[in-house]
């Protein structure tokens, strides 16, 4: 009996993984407009009530899919920053470059941006304009990454969060509305980040 809760949690985790994978595949191959809860439930092999109970609405599903994608990006950002242990600006710049280059090859992001003029663009504002799950989570996570790897004692906590948010907003702007090369975007981000964190180097 003691193992029952763990078994249930594992089954729920596997279900969420299948739901997210199914929804992601539909977005990448057919666009967000092709995603509906009935179809996802059928392809996953569960009833609609089970899917609604586990995930919620279609908008909730959009946020879950985006959050999962963001977690993958943040794992890469963590590794990238770790490779620049002694230079805050180099870490920030490397993280920005990693994000932009990885995003350029990301099939989900390509599919979402390609459908920006379509009839159902629900996933696009979730990515670009809503505070969560992208901007808020990315800012909090990146701030935590920088705090863990660099000496930021020269800044107060609110100062760190404000400066990190400014950098994240700039990176997201280049990600969603690219103009010019990635190298140019990274140079611009470094130009802005330098003065923001100048007390650290």
N, C-alpha and C. Protein backbone atom coordinates (compact mmCIF):
# COMPACT_ATOMS: atom_id res chain seq x y z
N UNK A 1 0.81 -1.21 0.00
CA UNK A 1 0.00 0.00 0.00
C UNK A 1 0.85 1.27 0.00
N UNK A 2 2.01 1.17 0.62
CA UNK A 2 2.86 2.37 0.73
C UNK A 2 3.33 2.85 -0.63
N UNK A 3 3.39 1.92 -1.61
CA UNK A 3 3.89 2.31 -2.92
C UNK A 3 2.80 2.88 -3.82
N UNK A 4 1.53 2.79 -3.40
CA UNK A 4 0.42 3.22 -4.25
C UNK A 4 0.52 4.70 -4.65
N UNK A 5 0.76 5.63 -3.70
CA UNK A 5 0.86 7.03 -4.11
C UNK A 5 1.97 7.27 -5.13
N UNK A 6 3.12 6.62 -4.95
CA UNK A 6 4.21 6.78 -5.89
C UNK A 6 3.83 6.26 -7.27
N UNK A 7 3.11 5.13 -7.30
CA UNK A 7 2.66 4.56 -8.57
C UNK A 7 1.69 5.52 -9.26
N UNK A 8 0.77 6.08 -8.49
CA UNK A 8 -0.18 7.03 -9.06
C UNK A 8 0.52 8.27 -9.59
N UNK A 9 1.48 8.76 -8.85
CA UNK A 9 2.23 9.94 -9.30
C UNK A 9 2.99 9.64 -10.58
N UNK A 10 3.56 8.44 -10.67
CA UNK A 10 4.30 8.06 -11.88
C UNK A 10 3.36 7.96 -13.08
N UNK A 11 2.17 7.41 -12.86
CA UNK A 11 1.20 7.31 -13.94
C UNK A 11 0.75 8.69 -14.41
N UNK A 12 0.57 9.61 -13.47
CA UNK A 12 0.19 10.97 -13.83
C UNK A 12 1.32 11.66 -14.59
N UNK A 13 2.54 11.43 -14.17
CA UNK A 13 3.68 12.03 -14.87
C UNK A 13 3.77 11.52 -16.29
N UNK A 14 3.60 10.22 -16.46
CA UNK A 14 3.66 9.62 -17.80
C UNK A 14 2.52 10.14 -18.68
N UNK A 15 1.34 10.30 -18.07
CA UNK A 15 0.20 10.82 -18.83
C UNK A 15 0.48 12.24 -19.30
N UNK A 16 1.01 13.08 -18.40
CA UNK A 16 1.31 14.46 -18.78
C UNK A 16 2.35 14.51 -19.88
N UNK A 17 3.35 13.64 -19.80
CA UNK A 17 4.37 13.60 -20.84
C UNK A 17 3.76 13.23 -22.18
N UNK A 18 2.86 12.26 -22.18
CA UNK A 18 2.22 11.84 -23.44
C UNK A 18 1.32 12.95 -23.99
N UNK A 19 0.60 13.62 -23.10
CA UNK A 19 -0.27 14.71 -23.54
C UNK A 19 0.55 15.84 -24.14
N UNK A 20 1.61 16.23 -23.45
CA UNK A 20 2.46 17.32 -23.94
C UNK A 20 3.11 16.94 -25.25
N UNK A 21 3.63 15.70 -25.34
CA UNK A 21 4.25 15.26 -26.58
C UNK A 21 3.28 15.22 -27.74
N UNK A 22 2.07 14.76 -27.49
CA UNK A 22 1.04 14.70 -28.53
C UNK A 22 0.66 16.10 -29.00
N UNK A 23 0.41 17.00 -28.06
CA UNK A 23 0.05 18.37 -28.42
C UNK A 23 1.18 19.06 -29.17
N UNK A 24 2.40 18.85 -28.72
CA UNK A 24 3.55 19.46 -29.39
C UNK A 24 3.67 18.97 -30.83
N UNK A 25 3.49 17.67 -31.02
CA UNK A 25 3.59 17.10 -32.37
C UNK A 25 2.50 17.67 -33.28
N UNK A 26 1.30 17.82 -32.75
CA UNK A 26 0.21 18.39 -33.54
C UNK A 26 0.52 19.83 -33.95
N UNK A 27 1.05 20.60 -32.99
CA UNK A 27 1.40 21.99 -33.30
C UNK A 27 2.46 22.05 -34.39
N UNK A 28 3.47 21.20 -34.27
CA UNK A 28 4.59 21.22 -35.21
C UNK A 28 4.19 20.77 -36.61
N UNK A 29 3.23 19.85 -36.69
CA UNK A 29 2.86 19.29 -38.00
C UNK A 29 1.63 19.96 -38.61
N UNK A 30 0.69 20.42 -37.78
CA UNK A 30 -0.56 20.94 -38.32
C UNK A 30 -0.92 22.33 -37.81
N UNK A 31 -0.22 22.83 -36.79
CA UNK A 31 -0.53 24.14 -36.23
C UNK A 31 -1.42 24.03 -35.01
N UNK A 32 -1.42 25.11 -34.20
CA UNK A 32 -2.19 25.10 -32.95
C UNK A 32 -3.69 24.95 -33.20
N UNK A 33 -4.16 25.40 -34.36
CA UNK A 33 -5.57 25.27 -34.68
C UNK A 33 -6.03 23.83 -34.77
N UNK A 34 -5.10 22.91 -35.02
CA UNK A 34 -5.45 21.49 -35.12
C UNK A 34 -5.56 20.83 -33.75
N UNK A 35 -5.14 21.54 -32.72
CA UNK A 35 -5.15 20.96 -31.38
C UNK A 35 -6.50 21.21 -30.73
N UNK A 36 -7.18 20.15 -30.35
CA UNK A 36 -8.37 20.28 -29.51
C UNK A 36 -8.34 19.14 -28.50
N UNK A 37 -9.03 19.34 -27.41
CA UNK A 37 -8.92 18.41 -26.29
C UNK A 37 -9.45 17.03 -26.65
N UNK A 38 -10.48 16.96 -27.48
CA UNK A 38 -11.03 15.66 -27.89
C UNK A 38 -10.00 14.86 -28.68
N UNK A 39 -9.33 15.54 -29.60
CA UNK A 39 -8.34 14.85 -30.43
C UNK A 39 -7.15 14.42 -29.60
N UNK A 40 -6.67 15.28 -28.73
CA UNK A 40 -5.54 14.93 -27.88
C UNK A 40 -5.90 13.73 -27.00
N UNK A 41 -7.08 13.77 -26.41
CA UNK A 41 -7.51 12.66 -25.55
C UNK A 41 -7.55 11.35 -26.33
N UNK A 42 -8.09 11.40 -27.53
CA UNK A 42 -8.19 10.19 -28.37
C UNK A 42 -6.81 9.65 -28.71
N UNK A 43 -5.90 10.54 -29.10
CA UNK A 43 -4.57 10.08 -29.52
C UNK A 43 -3.74 9.58 -28.34
N UNK A 44 -3.99 10.16 -27.17
CA UNK A 44 -3.27 9.71 -25.98
C UNK A 44 -3.87 8.41 -25.44
N UNK A 45 -5.19 8.23 -25.68
CA UNK A 45 -5.84 7.01 -25.22
C UNK A 45 -6.53 7.14 -23.88
N UNK A 46 -7.02 8.37 -23.59
CA UNK A 46 -7.78 8.60 -22.36
C UNK A 46 -9.07 9.30 -22.72
N UNK A 47 -9.98 9.39 -21.76
CA UNK A 47 -11.23 10.09 -21.98
C UNK A 47 -11.03 11.60 -21.84
N UNK A 48 -11.95 12.36 -22.41
CA UNK A 48 -11.87 13.81 -22.27
C UNK A 48 -11.95 14.24 -20.81
N UNK A 49 -12.85 13.64 -20.00
CA UNK A 49 -12.88 14.04 -18.58
C UNK A 49 -11.54 13.83 -17.87
N UNK A 50 -10.87 12.73 -18.21
CA UNK A 50 -9.56 12.47 -17.60
C UNK A 50 -8.56 13.55 -18.03
N UNK A 51 -8.60 13.90 -19.30
CA UNK A 51 -7.68 14.92 -19.82
C UNK A 51 -7.96 16.27 -19.18
N UNK A 52 -9.22 16.65 -19.10
CA UNK A 52 -9.58 17.93 -18.46
C UNK A 52 -9.19 17.95 -16.99
N UNK A 53 -9.36 16.82 -16.32
CA UNK A 53 -9.00 16.76 -14.90
C UNK A 53 -7.50 16.92 -14.71
N UNK A 54 -6.72 16.34 -15.60
CA UNK A 54 -5.27 16.37 -15.45
C UNK A 54 -4.66 17.68 -15.94
N UNK A 55 -5.17 18.22 -17.05
CA UNK A 55 -4.56 19.38 -17.68
C UNK A 55 -5.37 20.65 -17.48
N UNK A 56 -6.68 20.55 -17.70
CA UNK A 56 -7.54 21.73 -17.65
C UNK A 56 -8.06 22.07 -19.03
N UNK A 57 -8.11 23.34 -19.34
CA UNK A 57 -8.63 23.80 -20.63
C UNK A 57 -7.56 23.75 -21.71
N UNK A 58 -7.97 24.11 -22.93
CA UNK A 58 -7.00 24.18 -24.03
C UNK A 58 -5.94 25.26 -23.75
N UNK A 59 -6.35 26.35 -23.13
CA UNK A 59 -5.38 27.38 -22.77
C UNK A 59 -4.40 26.86 -21.74
N UNK A 60 -4.89 26.07 -20.80
CA UNK A 60 -4.00 25.44 -19.82
C UNK A 60 -3.01 24.52 -20.52
N UNK A 61 -3.50 23.81 -21.52
CA UNK A 61 -2.63 22.91 -22.29
C UNK A 61 -1.55 23.72 -23.00
N UNK A 62 -1.93 24.86 -23.57
CA UNK A 62 -0.95 25.72 -24.24
C UNK A 62 0.15 26.13 -23.26
N UNK A 63 -0.23 26.50 -22.06
CA UNK A 63 0.76 26.94 -21.07
C UNK A 63 1.65 25.79 -20.63
N UNK A 64 1.09 24.59 -20.52
CA UNK A 64 1.88 23.42 -20.14
C UNK A 64 2.91 23.09 -21.22
N UNK A 65 2.47 23.12 -22.48
CA UNK A 65 3.38 22.83 -23.59
C UNK A 65 4.51 23.85 -23.63
N UNK A 66 4.17 25.12 -23.48
CA UNK A 66 5.19 26.18 -23.50
C UNK A 66 6.13 26.06 -22.32
N UNK A 67 5.59 25.77 -21.14
CA UNK A 67 6.42 25.63 -19.95
C UNK A 67 7.42 24.50 -20.11
N UNK A 68 6.98 23.40 -20.71
CA UNK A 68 7.88 22.27 -20.93
C UNK A 68 9.00 22.66 -21.88
N UNK A 69 8.67 23.41 -22.93
CA UNK A 69 9.68 23.86 -23.89
C UNK A 69 10.65 24.83 -23.22
N UNK A 70 10.11 25.70 -22.40
CA UNK A 70 10.95 26.67 -21.70
C UNK A 70 11.93 25.97 -20.76
N UNK A 71 11.47 24.93 -20.08
CA UNK A 71 12.35 24.19 -19.17
C UNK A 71 13.55 23.62 -19.93
N UNK A 72 13.30 23.16 -21.15
CA UNK A 72 14.39 22.63 -21.97
C UNK A 72 15.39 23.72 -22.32
N UNK A 73 14.89 24.90 -22.67
CA UNK A 73 15.77 26.03 -22.96
C UNK A 73 16.59 26.40 -21.72
N UNK A 74 15.94 26.45 -20.57
CA UNK A 74 16.61 26.88 -19.35
C UNK A 74 17.69 25.90 -18.92
N UNK A 75 17.48 24.62 -19.20
CA UNK A 75 18.52 23.64 -18.90
C UNK A 75 19.77 23.93 -19.73
N UNK A 76 19.57 24.27 -20.98
CA UNK A 76 20.70 24.62 -21.83
C UNK A 76 21.36 25.92 -21.41
N UNK A 77 20.56 26.89 -20.99
CA UNK A 77 21.09 28.16 -20.50
C UNK A 77 21.97 27.93 -19.27
N UNK A 78 21.52 27.07 -18.38
CA UNK A 78 22.29 26.76 -17.17
C UNK A 78 23.66 26.20 -17.54
N UNK A 79 23.70 25.26 -18.46
CA UNK A 79 24.98 24.68 -18.89
C UNK A 79 25.86 25.74 -19.54
N UNK A 80 25.25 26.62 -20.33
CA UNK A 80 26.01 27.65 -21.04
C UNK A 80 26.63 28.64 -20.06
N UNK A 81 25.87 29.08 -19.08
CA UNK A 81 26.38 30.02 -18.09
C UNK A 81 27.47 29.38 -17.24
N UNK A 82 27.28 28.11 -16.92
CA UNK A 82 28.26 27.39 -16.11
C UNK A 82 29.63 27.37 -16.79
N UNK A 83 29.64 27.41 -18.11
CA UNK A 83 30.90 27.39 -18.86
C UNK A 83 31.63 28.73 -18.82
N UNK A 84 30.99 29.76 -18.23
CA UNK A 84 31.62 31.10 -18.09
C UNK A 84 31.65 31.47 -16.61
N UNK A 85 32.45 30.76 -15.80
CA UNK A 85 32.35 30.90 -14.35
C UNK A 85 32.83 32.24 -13.79
N UNK A 86 33.71 32.93 -14.47
CA UNK A 86 34.30 34.11 -13.86
C UNK A 86 33.91 35.43 -14.50
N UNK A 87 32.99 35.41 -15.46
CA UNK A 87 32.70 36.62 -16.21
C UNK A 87 31.19 36.74 -16.40
N UNK A 88 30.56 37.61 -15.63
CA UNK A 88 29.11 37.76 -15.66
C UNK A 88 28.61 38.16 -17.04
N UNK A 89 29.23 39.18 -17.65
CA UNK A 89 28.76 39.63 -18.96
C UNK A 89 28.93 38.53 -20.00
N UNK A 90 30.04 37.80 -19.93
CA UNK A 90 30.24 36.69 -20.87
C UNK A 90 29.17 35.63 -20.67
N UNK A 91 28.78 35.38 -19.43
CA UNK A 91 27.73 34.40 -19.15
C UNK A 91 26.40 34.84 -19.70
N UNK A 92 26.05 36.11 -19.50
CA UNK A 92 24.79 36.64 -20.01
C UNK A 92 24.77 36.60 -21.53
N UNK A 93 25.87 37.01 -22.14
CA UNK A 93 25.95 37.03 -23.60
C UNK A 93 25.87 35.62 -24.17
N UNK A 94 26.58 34.70 -23.55
CA UNK A 94 26.55 33.31 -24.01
C UNK A 94 25.15 32.72 -23.89
N UNK A 95 24.47 33.05 -22.80
CA UNK A 95 23.10 32.56 -22.60
C UNK A 95 22.17 33.11 -23.67
N UNK A 96 22.32 34.39 -24.00
CA UNK A 96 21.50 35.00 -25.04
C UNK A 96 21.75 34.35 -26.39
N UNK A 97 23.03 34.13 -26.70
CA UNK A 97 23.36 33.51 -27.98
C UNK A 97 22.83 32.08 -28.06
N UNK A 98 22.99 31.32 -26.97
CA UNK A 98 22.46 29.96 -26.94
C UNK A 98 20.95 29.97 -27.20
N UNK A 99 20.24 30.87 -26.52
CA UNK A 99 18.79 30.94 -26.65
C UNK A 99 18.37 31.25 -28.08
N UNK A 100 18.99 32.24 -28.68
CA UNK A 100 18.60 32.65 -30.03
C UNK A 100 18.95 31.59 -31.07
N UNK A 101 20.12 30.97 -30.94
CA UNK A 101 20.51 29.96 -31.93
C UNK A 101 19.68 28.68 -31.77
N UNK A 102 19.40 28.31 -30.54
CA UNK A 102 18.57 27.13 -30.32
C UNK A 102 17.14 27.38 -30.79
N UNK A 103 16.63 28.57 -30.54
CA UNK A 103 15.27 28.91 -30.97
C UNK A 103 15.14 28.89 -32.48
N UNK A 104 16.20 29.28 -33.17
CA UNK A 104 16.16 29.32 -34.64
C UNK A 104 15.92 27.94 -35.23
N UNK A 105 16.28 26.89 -34.49
CA UNK A 105 16.10 25.52 -34.97
C UNK A 105 14.98 24.78 -34.24
N UNK A 106 14.23 25.49 -33.41
CA UNK A 106 13.19 24.85 -32.61
C UNK A 106 11.91 24.68 -33.44
N UNK A 107 11.49 23.46 -33.65
CA UNK A 107 10.35 23.20 -34.53
C UNK A 107 9.03 23.74 -33.97
N UNK A 108 8.87 23.69 -32.65
CA UNK A 108 7.64 24.22 -32.06
C UNK A 108 7.55 25.72 -32.26
N UNK A 109 8.63 26.43 -31.96
CA UNK A 109 8.62 27.88 -32.11
C UNK A 109 8.42 28.27 -33.57
N UNK A 110 9.07 27.57 -34.47
CA UNK A 110 8.88 27.85 -35.89
C UNK A 110 7.42 27.69 -36.29
N UNK A 111 6.78 26.63 -35.82
CA UNK A 111 5.38 26.37 -36.16
C UNK A 111 4.47 27.46 -35.61
N UNK A 112 4.74 27.89 -34.38
CA UNK A 112 3.90 28.93 -33.76
C UNK A 112 4.06 30.25 -34.51
N UNK A 113 5.29 30.64 -34.80
CA UNK A 113 5.54 31.91 -35.48
C UNK A 113 5.04 31.87 -36.91
N UNK A 114 5.10 30.71 -37.55
CA UNK A 114 4.61 30.58 -38.93
C UNK A 114 3.10 30.75 -38.98
N UNK A 115 2.41 30.46 -37.89
CA UNK A 115 0.96 30.57 -37.87
C UNK A 115 0.45 31.88 -37.30
N UNK A 116 1.31 32.89 -37.22
CA UNK A 116 0.92 34.14 -36.57
C UNK A 116 -0.20 34.86 -37.32
N UNK A 117 -0.39 34.56 -38.62
CA UNK A 117 -1.46 35.20 -39.37
C UNK A 117 -2.66 34.28 -39.56
N UNK A 118 -2.65 33.12 -38.94
CA UNK A 118 -3.74 32.17 -39.10
C UNK A 118 -4.94 32.52 -38.24
N UNK A 119 -5.97 31.68 -38.36
CA UNK A 119 -7.22 31.95 -37.66
C UNK A 119 -7.10 31.71 -36.15
N UNK A 120 -6.31 30.72 -35.78
CA UNK A 120 -6.18 30.39 -34.36
C UNK A 120 -4.75 30.62 -33.92
N UNK A 121 -4.50 31.77 -33.33
CA UNK A 121 -3.14 32.12 -32.89
C UNK A 121 -3.05 32.17 -31.37
N UNK A 122 -3.87 31.38 -30.70
CA UNK A 122 -3.91 31.42 -29.24
C UNK A 122 -2.55 31.20 -28.62
N UNK A 123 -1.75 30.34 -29.23
CA UNK A 123 -0.45 30.01 -28.64
C UNK A 123 0.52 31.18 -28.75
N UNK A 124 0.35 32.02 -29.76
CA UNK A 124 1.29 33.13 -29.95
C UNK A 124 1.21 34.17 -28.84
N UNK A 125 0.02 34.69 -28.50
CA UNK A 125 -0.01 35.64 -27.38
C UNK A 125 0.41 35.02 -26.06
N UNK A 126 0.16 33.73 -25.90
CA UNK A 126 0.63 33.06 -24.68
C UNK A 126 2.13 33.14 -24.59
N UNK A 127 2.80 33.02 -25.73
CA UNK A 127 4.25 33.12 -25.77
C UNK A 127 4.73 34.56 -25.62
N UNK A 128 4.09 35.49 -26.33
CA UNK A 128 4.66 36.81 -26.51
C UNK A 128 4.18 37.88 -25.54
N UNK A 129 2.94 37.81 -25.09
CA UNK A 129 2.40 38.94 -24.36
C UNK A 129 2.00 38.65 -22.93
N UNK A 130 1.66 37.41 -22.60
CA UNK A 130 1.23 37.12 -21.25
C UNK A 130 2.43 36.99 -20.32
N UNK A 131 2.35 37.52 -19.10
CA UNK A 131 3.49 37.46 -18.18
C UNK A 131 3.96 36.04 -17.90
N UNK A 132 3.05 35.12 -17.85
CA UNK A 132 3.39 33.72 -17.67
C UNK A 132 2.86 32.97 -18.88
N UNK A 133 3.50 31.86 -19.29
CA UNK A 133 4.58 31.20 -18.56
C UNK A 133 5.98 31.61 -19.00
N UNK A 134 6.13 32.48 -20.02
CA UNK A 134 7.47 32.70 -20.56
C UNK A 134 8.24 33.78 -19.82
N UNK A 135 7.78 35.03 -19.87
CA UNK A 135 8.56 36.13 -19.31
C UNK A 135 8.82 35.95 -17.82
N UNK A 136 7.78 35.71 -17.06
CA UNK A 136 7.95 35.58 -15.62
C UNK A 136 8.84 34.42 -15.23
N UNK A 137 8.59 33.26 -15.82
CA UNK A 137 9.38 32.07 -15.47
C UNK A 137 10.82 32.22 -15.95
N UNK A 138 11.00 32.75 -17.16
CA UNK A 138 12.36 32.91 -17.68
C UNK A 138 13.16 33.90 -16.85
N UNK A 139 12.53 35.00 -16.46
CA UNK A 139 13.21 36.00 -15.64
C UNK A 139 13.61 35.43 -14.28
N UNK A 140 12.67 34.77 -13.62
CA UNK A 140 12.96 34.19 -12.30
C UNK A 140 14.05 33.13 -12.38
N UNK A 141 13.95 32.28 -13.39
CA UNK A 141 14.93 31.20 -13.53
C UNK A 141 16.31 31.74 -13.88
N UNK A 142 16.38 32.71 -14.80
CA UNK A 142 17.68 33.25 -15.20
C UNK A 142 18.32 34.02 -14.06
N UNK A 143 17.50 34.76 -13.30
CA UNK A 143 18.03 35.46 -12.13
C UNK A 143 18.61 34.46 -11.13
N UNK A 144 17.92 33.35 -10.94
CA UNK A 144 18.41 32.33 -10.01
C UNK A 144 19.71 31.71 -10.51
N UNK A 145 19.80 31.49 -11.82
CA UNK A 145 21.02 30.94 -12.41
C UNK A 145 22.20 31.88 -12.18
N UNK A 146 21.99 33.18 -12.41
CA UNK A 146 23.07 34.16 -12.24
C UNK A 146 23.46 34.29 -10.77
N UNK A 147 22.47 34.30 -9.88
CA UNK A 147 22.78 34.39 -8.45
C UNK A 147 23.62 33.20 -7.98
N UNK A 148 23.34 32.04 -8.54
CA UNK A 148 24.03 30.82 -8.10
C UNK A 148 25.48 30.77 -8.60
N UNK A 149 25.79 31.51 -9.66
CA UNK A 149 27.10 31.36 -10.29
C UNK A 149 27.99 32.59 -10.24
N UNK A 150 27.42 33.73 -9.86
CA UNK A 150 28.22 34.96 -9.82
C UNK A 150 27.99 35.71 -8.50
N UNK A 151 28.96 36.52 -8.15
CA UNK A 151 28.85 37.36 -6.96
C UNK A 151 28.07 38.62 -7.33
N UNK A 152 26.82 38.68 -6.90
CA UNK A 152 25.97 39.82 -7.22
C UNK A 152 25.68 40.67 -5.99
N UNK A 153 26.58 40.61 -5.02
CA UNK A 153 26.37 41.32 -3.76
C UNK A 153 26.31 42.84 -3.94
N UNK A 154 26.84 43.35 -5.04
CA UNK A 154 26.82 44.79 -5.27
C UNK A 154 25.42 45.30 -5.59
N UNK A 155 24.51 44.39 -5.87
CA UNK A 155 23.14 44.75 -6.21
C UNK A 155 22.18 44.25 -5.15
N UNK A 156 21.12 45.02 -4.93
CA UNK A 156 20.04 44.54 -4.09
C UNK A 156 19.18 43.56 -4.87
N UNK A 157 18.38 42.78 -4.17
CA UNK A 157 17.54 41.78 -4.83
C UNK A 157 16.64 42.38 -5.90
N UNK A 158 15.92 43.48 -5.61
CA UNK A 158 15.06 44.07 -6.65
C UNK A 158 15.86 44.55 -7.86
N UNK A 159 17.08 45.07 -7.61
CA UNK A 159 17.93 45.53 -8.71
C UNK A 159 18.28 44.38 -9.64
N UNK A 160 18.61 43.25 -9.08
CA UNK A 160 18.96 42.07 -9.89
C UNK A 160 17.77 41.68 -10.75
N UNK A 161 16.62 41.56 -10.13
CA UNK A 161 15.43 41.13 -10.87
C UNK A 161 15.09 42.10 -11.99
N UNK A 162 15.20 43.40 -11.71
CA UNK A 162 14.88 44.41 -12.72
C UNK A 162 15.84 44.33 -13.90
N UNK A 163 17.13 44.18 -13.61
CA UNK A 163 18.13 44.11 -14.68
C UNK A 163 17.99 42.82 -15.50
N UNK A 164 17.76 41.73 -14.82
CA UNK A 164 17.59 40.47 -15.53
C UNK A 164 16.34 40.52 -16.40
N UNK A 165 15.27 41.08 -15.89
CA UNK A 165 14.05 41.18 -16.70
C UNK A 165 14.29 42.01 -17.96
N UNK A 166 15.05 43.09 -17.85
CA UNK A 166 15.35 43.91 -19.02
C UNK A 166 16.09 43.10 -20.08
N UNK A 167 17.06 42.29 -19.64
CA UNK A 167 17.81 41.45 -20.58
C UNK A 167 16.91 40.39 -21.20
N UNK A 168 16.10 39.75 -20.38
CA UNK A 168 15.21 38.71 -20.88
C UNK A 168 14.22 39.29 -21.89
N UNK A 169 13.67 40.47 -21.59
CA UNK A 169 12.75 41.11 -22.52
C UNK A 169 13.43 41.38 -23.87
N UNK A 170 14.67 41.80 -23.83
CA UNK A 170 15.39 42.09 -25.07
C UNK A 170 15.64 40.80 -25.86
N UNK A 171 16.02 39.75 -25.17
CA UNK A 171 16.24 38.46 -25.83
C UNK A 171 14.95 37.98 -26.47
N UNK A 172 13.84 38.06 -25.74
CA UNK A 172 12.56 37.60 -26.28
C UNK A 172 12.14 38.45 -27.48
N UNK A 173 12.44 39.73 -27.43
CA UNK A 173 12.12 40.60 -28.56
C UNK A 173 12.85 40.14 -29.82
N UNK A 174 14.13 39.83 -29.69
CA UNK A 174 14.89 39.34 -30.83
C UNK A 174 14.42 37.96 -31.26
N UNK A 175 13.96 37.17 -30.30
CA UNK A 175 13.51 35.81 -30.61
C UNK A 175 12.21 35.84 -31.41
N UNK A 176 11.26 36.67 -30.98
CA UNK A 176 9.95 36.68 -31.61
C UNK A 176 9.86 37.60 -32.82
N UNK A 177 10.71 38.61 -32.86
CA UNK A 177 10.69 39.55 -33.98
C UNK A 177 12.12 39.81 -34.46
N UNK A 178 12.74 38.79 -35.03
CA UNK A 178 14.14 38.92 -35.45
C UNK A 178 14.30 39.94 -36.58
N UNK A 179 15.37 40.70 -36.48
CA UNK A 179 15.72 41.66 -37.53
C UNK A 179 17.24 41.66 -37.65
N UNK A 180 17.74 41.09 -38.73
CA UNK A 180 19.18 40.98 -38.89
C UNK A 180 19.68 39.64 -38.39
N UNK A 181 20.98 39.54 -38.23
CA UNK A 181 21.60 38.28 -37.87
C UNK A 181 21.57 38.05 -36.35
N UNK A 182 21.79 36.82 -35.98
CA UNK A 182 21.88 36.49 -34.56
C UNK A 182 23.10 37.17 -33.94
N UNK A 183 24.20 37.22 -34.69
CA UNK A 183 25.40 37.89 -34.17
C UNK A 183 25.11 39.35 -33.83
N UNK A 184 24.35 40.02 -34.68
CA UNK A 184 23.99 41.42 -34.43
C UNK A 184 23.12 41.53 -33.19
N UNK A 185 22.18 40.61 -33.05
CA UNK A 185 21.29 40.61 -31.89
C UNK A 185 22.09 40.40 -30.60
N UNK A 186 23.02 39.46 -30.63
CA UNK A 186 23.83 39.16 -29.44
C UNK A 186 24.69 40.37 -29.08
N UNK A 187 25.24 41.04 -30.08
CA UNK A 187 26.04 42.23 -29.82
C UNK A 187 25.20 43.32 -29.17
N UNK A 188 23.96 43.48 -29.63
CA UNK A 188 23.08 44.49 -29.05
C UNK A 188 22.74 44.14 -27.60
N UNK A 189 22.48 42.88 -27.35
CA UNK A 189 22.16 42.43 -25.98
C UNK A 189 23.35 42.68 -25.05
N UNK A 190 24.55 42.37 -25.53
CA UNK A 190 25.75 42.60 -24.73
C UNK A 190 25.94 44.09 -24.46
N UNK A 191 25.64 44.93 -25.46
CA UNK A 191 25.77 46.38 -25.31
C UNK A 191 24.84 46.91 -24.22
N UNK A 192 23.66 46.34 -24.13
CA UNK A 192 22.69 46.76 -23.11
C UNK A 192 23.03 46.17 -21.75
N UNK A 193 23.41 44.89 -21.74
CA UNK A 193 23.68 44.19 -20.48
C UNK A 193 24.91 44.75 -19.76
N UNK A 194 25.90 45.20 -20.53
CA UNK A 194 27.13 45.72 -19.94
C UNK A 194 26.89 46.81 -18.90
N UNK A 195 26.25 47.93 -19.30
CA UNK A 195 26.00 48.99 -18.33
C UNK A 195 25.06 48.56 -17.20
N UNK A 196 24.12 47.67 -17.50
CA UNK A 196 23.18 47.23 -16.46
C UNK A 196 23.90 46.53 -15.31
N UNK A 197 24.98 45.79 -15.65
CA UNK A 197 25.69 45.02 -14.63
C UNK A 197 27.13 45.51 -14.47
N UNK A 198 27.38 46.78 -14.77
CA UNK A 198 28.75 47.28 -14.82
C UNK A 198 29.48 47.19 -13.48
N UNK A 199 28.77 47.16 -12.38
CA UNK A 199 29.43 47.09 -11.08
C UNK A 199 30.03 45.72 -10.81
N UNK A 200 29.77 44.77 -11.71
CA UNK A 200 30.26 43.41 -11.48
C UNK A 200 31.54 43.10 -12.26
N UNK A 201 31.95 44.01 -13.13
CA UNK A 201 33.16 43.71 -13.90
C UNK A 201 33.89 44.97 -14.27
